[in-house]
């Protein structure tokens, strides 16, 4: 590497360390900042409790859905992953309709023809 690269590297590292030291002074634990750090830590405790409750609900729902849809399935890694995978994405609105009602479902065909009829392409 060239000498210019080495000089630029040293300047960048020294300036970034000076910026870090300056910003570190902002987060000192004196005065009102101590209360803010304490509240921040309490919010992480609440976040952990929320994630634990969410996991309990997600696992329970995933087991129920897996057992109802595939009652005679073996207990292997793919069924364990689908216990977490499907409920997690159903939180965000993905319904997996093609897996629930099948690919050649009358409901999906009706909705598909109705949507093309409404758009005026039929």
N, C-alpha and C. Protein backbone atom coordinates (compact mmCIF):
# COMPACT_ATOMS: atom_id res chain seq x y z
N UNK A 1 0.84 -1.17 0.00
CA UNK A 1 0.00 0.00 0.00
C UNK A 1 0.89 1.24 0.00
N UNK A 2 0.35 2.28 -0.56
CA UNK A 2 1.11 3.51 -0.68
C UNK A 2 1.19 4.28 0.63
N UNK A 3 2.08 5.21 0.65
CA UNK A 3 2.27 6.04 1.84
C UNK A 3 1.06 6.95 2.07
N UNK A 4 0.40 7.36 0.97
CA UNK A 4 -0.79 8.21 1.12
C UNK A 4 -1.92 7.46 1.82
N UNK A 5 -2.07 6.18 1.48
CA UNK A 5 -3.10 5.37 2.13
C UNK A 5 -2.83 5.24 3.62
N UNK A 6 -1.58 5.04 3.99
CA UNK A 6 -1.23 4.90 5.41
C UNK A 6 -1.51 6.20 6.16
N UNK A 7 -1.19 7.35 5.54
CA UNK A 7 -1.45 8.64 6.19
C UNK A 7 -2.94 8.86 6.35
N UNK A 8 -3.72 8.58 5.30
CA UNK A 8 -5.18 8.75 5.38
C UNK A 8 -5.79 7.83 6.42
N UNK A 9 -5.25 6.62 6.53
CA UNK A 9 -5.74 5.66 7.52
C UNK A 9 -5.50 6.17 8.94
N UNK A 10 -4.33 6.74 9.19
CA UNK A 10 -4.01 7.26 10.52
C UNK A 10 -4.86 8.49 10.85
N UNK A 11 -5.07 9.36 9.87
CA UNK A 11 -5.90 10.55 10.11
C UNK A 11 -7.35 10.14 10.39
N UNK A 12 -7.87 9.20 9.63
CA UNK A 12 -9.24 8.74 9.83
C UNK A 12 -9.42 8.08 11.19
N UNK A 13 -8.48 7.23 11.58
CA UNK A 13 -8.62 6.55 12.87
C UNK A 13 -8.50 7.53 14.03
N UNK A 14 -7.59 8.51 13.90
CA UNK A 14 -7.46 9.47 15.00
C UNK A 14 -8.67 10.39 15.08
N UNK A 15 -9.23 10.80 13.94
CA UNK A 15 -10.41 11.67 13.99
C UNK A 15 -11.63 10.91 14.50
N UNK A 16 -11.77 9.64 14.11
CA UNK A 16 -12.91 8.87 14.62
C UNK A 16 -12.78 8.61 16.11
N UNK A 17 -11.58 8.41 16.61
CA UNK A 17 -11.43 8.21 18.05
C UNK A 17 -11.69 9.51 18.81
N UNK A 18 -11.32 10.67 18.24
CA UNK A 18 -11.64 11.95 18.89
C UNK A 18 -13.15 12.19 18.91
N UNK A 19 -13.81 11.84 17.83
CA UNK A 19 -15.28 11.99 17.80
C UNK A 19 -15.91 11.07 18.84
N UNK A 20 -15.40 9.84 18.97
CA UNK A 20 -15.92 8.91 19.97
C UNK A 20 -15.76 9.47 21.37
N UNK A 21 -14.59 10.03 21.67
CA UNK A 21 -14.36 10.59 23.01
C UNK A 21 -15.25 11.79 23.28
N UNK A 22 -15.50 12.61 22.26
CA UNK A 22 -16.37 13.77 22.44
C UNK A 22 -17.81 13.32 22.69
N UNK A 23 -18.26 12.34 21.91
CA UNK A 23 -19.63 11.84 22.09
C UNK A 23 -19.78 11.06 23.38
N UNK A 24 -18.72 10.46 23.86
CA UNK A 24 -18.77 9.71 25.10
C UNK A 24 -19.02 10.64 26.29
N UNK A 25 -18.60 11.87 26.17
CA UNK A 25 -18.84 12.84 27.23
C UNK A 25 -20.32 13.17 27.36
N UNK A 26 -21.06 13.05 26.27
CA UNK A 26 -22.50 13.32 26.31
C UNK A 26 -23.22 12.30 27.18
N UNK A 27 -22.77 11.05 27.16
CA UNK A 27 -23.45 9.97 27.87
C UNK A 27 -22.87 9.69 29.25
N UNK A 28 -22.29 10.68 29.86
CA UNK A 28 -21.78 10.45 31.21
C UNK A 28 -22.96 10.29 32.17
N UNK A 29 -22.71 9.66 33.28
CA UNK A 29 -23.80 9.34 34.21
C UNK A 29 -23.89 10.34 35.35
N UNK A 30 -23.87 11.60 35.02
CA UNK A 30 -24.01 12.63 36.04
C UNK A 30 -25.27 13.43 35.76
N UNK A 31 -25.90 13.87 36.81
CA UNK A 31 -27.07 14.73 36.65
C UNK A 31 -28.28 13.96 36.14
N UNK A 32 -28.97 14.55 35.17
CA UNK A 32 -30.20 13.96 34.64
C UNK A 32 -29.96 12.75 33.76
N UNK A 33 -28.75 12.60 33.23
CA UNK A 33 -28.48 11.49 32.33
C UNK A 33 -28.56 10.14 33.05
N UNK A 34 -28.34 10.12 34.35
CA UNK A 34 -28.44 8.87 35.10
C UNK A 34 -29.87 8.33 35.06
N UNK A 35 -30.85 9.21 35.20
CA UNK A 35 -32.25 8.79 35.15
C UNK A 35 -32.62 8.28 33.75
N UNK A 36 -32.07 8.92 32.70
CA UNK A 36 -32.37 8.47 31.35
C UNK A 36 -31.80 7.08 31.08
N UNK A 37 -30.60 6.83 31.55
CA UNK A 37 -30.01 5.50 31.38
C UNK A 37 -30.78 4.44 32.15
N UNK A 38 -31.25 4.78 33.34
CA UNK A 38 -32.04 3.85 34.13
C UNK A 38 -33.36 3.53 33.43
N UNK A 39 -34.02 4.54 32.88
CA UNK A 39 -35.28 4.31 32.15
C UNK A 39 -35.04 3.49 30.90
N UNK A 40 -33.92 3.72 30.25
CA UNK A 40 -33.57 2.95 29.05
C UNK A 40 -33.39 1.48 29.40
N UNK A 41 -32.74 1.20 30.51
CA UNK A 41 -32.55 -0.18 30.95
C UNK A 41 -33.88 -0.83 31.31
N UNK A 42 -34.78 -0.07 31.94
CA UNK A 42 -36.09 -0.62 32.26
C UNK A 42 -36.89 -0.94 31.00
N UNK A 43 -36.73 -0.15 29.96
CA UNK A 43 -37.43 -0.44 28.72
C UNK A 43 -36.92 -1.73 28.08
N UNK A 44 -35.63 -2.03 28.23
CA UNK A 44 -35.12 -3.29 27.72
C UNK A 44 -35.68 -4.48 28.50
N UNK A 45 -35.89 -4.31 29.79
CA UNK A 45 -36.52 -5.38 30.57
C UNK A 45 -37.94 -5.61 30.08
N UNK A 46 -38.69 -4.54 29.85
CA UNK A 46 -40.05 -4.67 29.34
C UNK A 46 -40.07 -5.29 27.95
N UNK A 47 -39.11 -4.93 27.12
CA UNK A 47 -39.02 -5.50 25.78
C UNK A 47 -38.75 -7.01 25.85
N UNK A 48 -37.89 -7.42 26.77
CA UNK A 48 -37.63 -8.85 26.94
C UNK A 48 -38.86 -9.60 27.39
N UNK A 49 -39.62 -9.03 28.31
CA UNK A 49 -40.87 -9.68 28.74
C UNK A 49 -41.87 -9.77 27.60
N UNK A 50 -41.96 -8.71 26.78
CA UNK A 50 -42.87 -8.74 25.64
C UNK A 50 -42.48 -9.83 24.65
N UNK A 51 -41.19 -9.97 24.39
CA UNK A 51 -40.73 -10.99 23.45
C UNK A 51 -41.01 -12.38 23.99
N UNK A 52 -40.85 -12.58 25.30
CA UNK A 52 -41.15 -13.89 25.89
C UNK A 52 -42.63 -14.23 25.76
N UNK A 53 -43.50 -13.27 26.05
CA UNK A 53 -44.94 -13.50 25.92
C UNK A 53 -45.31 -13.77 24.46
N UNK A 54 -44.70 -13.02 23.56
CA UNK A 54 -44.97 -13.22 22.13
C UNK A 54 -44.52 -14.59 21.67
N UNK A 55 -43.38 -15.07 22.16
CA UNK A 55 -42.92 -16.41 21.79
C UNK A 55 -43.84 -17.50 22.32
N UNK A 56 -44.36 -17.33 23.52
CA UNK A 56 -45.28 -18.32 24.07
C UNK A 56 -46.54 -18.40 23.21
N UNK A 57 -47.09 -17.25 22.84
CA UNK A 57 -48.29 -17.23 22.01
C UNK A 57 -47.98 -17.79 20.62
N UNK A 58 -46.85 -17.41 20.05
CA UNK A 58 -46.48 -17.86 18.71
C UNK A 58 -46.26 -19.37 18.67
N UNK A 59 -45.60 -19.91 19.67
CA UNK A 59 -45.36 -21.36 19.70
C UNK A 59 -46.67 -22.12 19.90
N UNK A 60 -47.53 -21.63 20.78
CA UNK A 60 -48.82 -22.29 20.99
C UNK A 60 -49.68 -22.29 19.74
N UNK A 61 -49.73 -21.15 19.06
CA UNK A 61 -50.51 -21.07 17.82
C UNK A 61 -49.89 -21.94 16.73
N UNK A 62 -48.56 -21.96 16.65
CA UNK A 62 -47.89 -22.77 15.64
C UNK A 62 -48.12 -24.26 15.84
N UNK A 63 -48.09 -24.71 17.08
CA UNK A 63 -48.36 -26.13 17.36
C UNK A 63 -49.80 -26.47 17.01
N UNK A 64 -50.74 -25.60 17.36
CA UNK A 64 -52.14 -25.87 17.06
C UNK A 64 -52.39 -25.93 15.56
N UNK A 65 -51.83 -25.01 14.81
CA UNK A 65 -52.01 -25.00 13.35
C UNK A 65 -51.38 -26.23 12.73
N UNK A 66 -50.20 -26.61 13.17
CA UNK A 66 -49.50 -27.77 12.61
C UNK A 66 -50.28 -29.05 12.88
N UNK A 67 -50.82 -29.18 14.06
CA UNK A 67 -51.56 -30.41 14.42
C UNK A 67 -52.88 -30.49 13.66
N UNK A 68 -53.55 -29.37 13.49
CA UNK A 68 -54.83 -29.39 12.78
C UNK A 68 -54.63 -29.65 11.29
N UNK A 69 -53.63 -29.04 10.68
CA UNK A 69 -53.44 -29.19 9.24
C UNK A 69 -52.80 -30.53 8.86
N UNK A 70 -51.86 -31.00 9.65
CA UNK A 70 -51.14 -32.23 9.33
C UNK A 70 -51.19 -33.16 10.54
N UNK A 71 -52.31 -33.84 10.76
CA UNK A 71 -52.44 -34.65 11.98
C UNK A 71 -51.54 -35.89 12.00
N UNK A 72 -51.21 -36.45 10.84
CA UNK A 72 -50.41 -37.67 10.84
C UNK A 72 -48.97 -37.42 10.41
N UNK A 73 -48.50 -36.20 10.49
CA UNK A 73 -47.12 -35.88 10.08
C UNK A 73 -46.14 -36.34 11.15
N UNK A 74 -44.95 -36.69 10.68
CA UNK A 74 -43.92 -37.10 11.63
C UNK A 74 -43.30 -35.87 12.27
N UNK A 75 -42.67 -36.08 13.40
CA UNK A 75 -42.07 -34.98 14.13
C UNK A 75 -40.60 -34.84 13.70
N UNK A 76 -40.37 -34.09 12.63
CA UNK A 76 -39.02 -33.88 12.14
C UNK A 76 -38.70 -32.40 12.11
N UNK A 77 -37.55 -32.06 11.55
CA UNK A 77 -37.08 -30.67 11.56
C UNK A 77 -37.98 -29.76 10.73
N UNK A 78 -38.50 -30.24 9.59
CA UNK A 78 -39.32 -29.38 8.74
C UNK A 78 -40.64 -29.04 9.41
N UNK A 79 -41.23 -29.97 10.13
CA UNK A 79 -42.47 -29.65 10.84
C UNK A 79 -42.21 -28.72 12.01
N UNK A 80 -41.04 -28.86 12.64
CA UNK A 80 -40.69 -27.95 13.72
C UNK A 80 -40.47 -26.54 13.19
N UNK A 81 -39.81 -26.42 12.04
CA UNK A 81 -39.59 -25.10 11.46
C UNK A 81 -40.90 -24.47 10.99
N UNK A 82 -41.82 -25.27 10.45
CA UNK A 82 -43.10 -24.71 10.01
C UNK A 82 -43.95 -24.28 11.20
N UNK A 83 -43.67 -24.82 12.38
CA UNK A 83 -44.35 -24.36 13.58
C UNK A 83 -44.01 -22.91 13.88
N UNK A 84 -42.80 -22.49 13.58
CA UNK A 84 -42.39 -21.10 13.81
C UNK A 84 -42.57 -20.23 12.57
N UNK A 85 -42.33 -20.81 11.40
CA UNK A 85 -42.30 -20.05 10.16
C UNK A 85 -43.67 -19.48 9.80
N UNK A 86 -44.68 -20.32 9.76
CA UNK A 86 -46.00 -19.86 9.32
C UNK A 86 -46.62 -18.87 10.28
N UNK A 87 -46.67 -19.11 11.58
CA UNK A 87 -47.28 -18.11 12.47
C UNK A 87 -46.53 -16.78 12.48
N UNK A 88 -45.21 -16.82 12.33
CA UNK A 88 -44.44 -15.58 12.32
C UNK A 88 -44.84 -14.71 11.13
N UNK A 89 -44.96 -15.31 9.95
CA UNK A 89 -45.33 -14.52 8.79
C UNK A 89 -46.82 -14.19 8.77
N UNK A 90 -47.65 -14.98 9.45
CA UNK A 90 -49.06 -14.64 9.55
C UNK A 90 -49.28 -13.42 10.42
N UNK A 91 -48.36 -13.12 11.31
CA UNK A 91 -48.43 -11.87 12.08
C UNK A 91 -48.41 -10.69 11.13
N UNK A 92 -47.59 -10.78 10.10
CA UNK A 92 -47.42 -9.67 9.16
C UNK A 92 -48.40 -9.72 7.99
N UNK A 93 -49.35 -10.65 7.99
CA UNK A 93 -50.40 -10.65 6.99
C UNK A 93 -50.27 -11.68 5.90
N UNK A 94 -49.23 -12.49 5.88
CA UNK A 94 -49.10 -13.53 4.87
C UNK A 94 -49.95 -14.71 5.29
N UNK A 95 -50.94 -15.09 4.48
CA UNK A 95 -51.90 -16.10 4.90
C UNK A 95 -51.62 -17.49 4.36
N UNK A 96 -50.75 -17.64 3.38
CA UNK A 96 -50.44 -18.94 2.79
C UNK A 96 -51.70 -19.64 2.30
N UNK A 97 -52.52 -18.92 1.55
CA UNK A 97 -53.79 -19.48 1.09
C UNK A 97 -53.59 -20.70 0.20
N UNK A 98 -52.53 -20.71 -0.61
CA UNK A 98 -52.33 -21.85 -1.50
C UNK A 98 -52.03 -23.13 -0.73
N UNK A 99 -51.48 -23.02 0.46
CA UNK A 99 -51.23 -24.21 1.28
C UNK A 99 -52.47 -24.62 2.07
N UNK A 100 -53.31 -23.65 2.40
CA UNK A 100 -54.48 -23.96 3.22
C UNK A 100 -55.59 -24.57 2.38
N UNK A 101 -55.91 -23.95 1.23
CA UNK A 101 -57.05 -24.42 0.45
C UNK A 101 -56.63 -25.15 -0.81
N UNK A 102 -55.38 -25.23 -1.12
CA UNK A 102 -54.92 -25.93 -2.31
C UNK A 102 -54.75 -24.99 -3.48
N UNK A 103 -53.99 -25.44 -4.49
CA UNK A 103 -53.69 -24.57 -5.62
C UNK A 103 -54.87 -24.44 -6.56
N UNK A 104 -55.70 -25.46 -6.71
CA UNK A 104 -56.83 -25.44 -7.63
C UNK A 104 -58.14 -25.24 -6.87
N UNK A 105 -58.17 -24.30 -5.99
CA UNK A 105 -59.34 -24.07 -5.17
C UNK A 105 -60.38 -23.26 -5.93
N UNK A 106 -61.64 -23.54 -5.66
CA UNK A 106 -62.73 -22.78 -6.28
C UNK A 106 -62.77 -21.35 -5.77
N UNK A 107 -62.39 -21.16 -4.51
CA UNK A 107 -62.42 -19.81 -3.94
C UNK A 107 -61.38 -18.93 -4.62
N UNK A 108 -60.18 -19.45 -4.81
CA UNK A 108 -59.14 -18.66 -5.46
C UNK A 108 -59.50 -18.40 -6.92
N UNK A 109 -60.06 -19.39 -7.63
CA UNK A 109 -60.47 -19.17 -9.01
C UNK A 109 -61.57 -18.12 -9.09
N UNK A 110 -62.52 -18.17 -8.16
CA UNK A 110 -63.60 -17.18 -8.14
C UNK A 110 -63.04 -15.78 -7.90
N UNK A 111 -62.14 -15.64 -6.94
CA UNK A 111 -61.56 -14.33 -6.67
C UNK A 111 -60.72 -13.84 -7.85
N UNK A 112 -60.03 -14.75 -8.53
CA UNK A 112 -59.22 -14.36 -9.68
C UNK A 112 -60.10 -13.89 -10.83
N UNK A 113 -61.18 -14.61 -11.12
CA UNK A 113 -62.07 -14.21 -12.22
C UNK A 113 -62.83 -12.94 -11.85
N UNK A 114 -63.19 -12.80 -10.61
CA UNK A 114 -63.90 -11.60 -10.20
C UNK A 114 -63.02 -10.37 -10.30
N UNK A 115 -61.74 -10.50 -9.92
CA UNK A 115 -60.83 -9.35 -10.00
C UNK A 115 -60.58 -8.96 -11.45
N UNK A 116 -60.50 -9.93 -12.37
CA UNK A 116 -60.32 -9.58 -13.79
C UNK A 116 -61.60 -8.99 -14.36
N UNK A 117 -62.76 -9.42 -13.87
CA UNK A 117 -64.03 -8.87 -14.34
C UNK A 117 -64.19 -7.43 -13.89
N UNK A 118 -63.78 -7.14 -12.65
CA UNK A 118 -63.89 -5.79 -12.12
C UNK A 118 -62.94 -4.84 -12.85
N UNK A 119 -61.76 -5.33 -13.22
CA UNK A 119 -60.81 -4.47 -13.92
C UNK A 119 -61.24 -4.21 -15.35
N UNK A 120 -62.18 -4.99 -15.87
CA UNK A 120 -62.67 -4.78 -17.22
C UNK A 120 -61.89 -5.50 -18.31
N UNK A 121 -61.11 -6.50 -17.95
CA UNK A 121 -60.34 -7.24 -18.95
C UNK A 121 -61.10 -8.43 -19.49
N UNK A 122 -62.26 -8.74 -18.91
CA UNK A 122 -63.01 -9.90 -19.38
C UNK A 122 -64.06 -9.51 -20.36
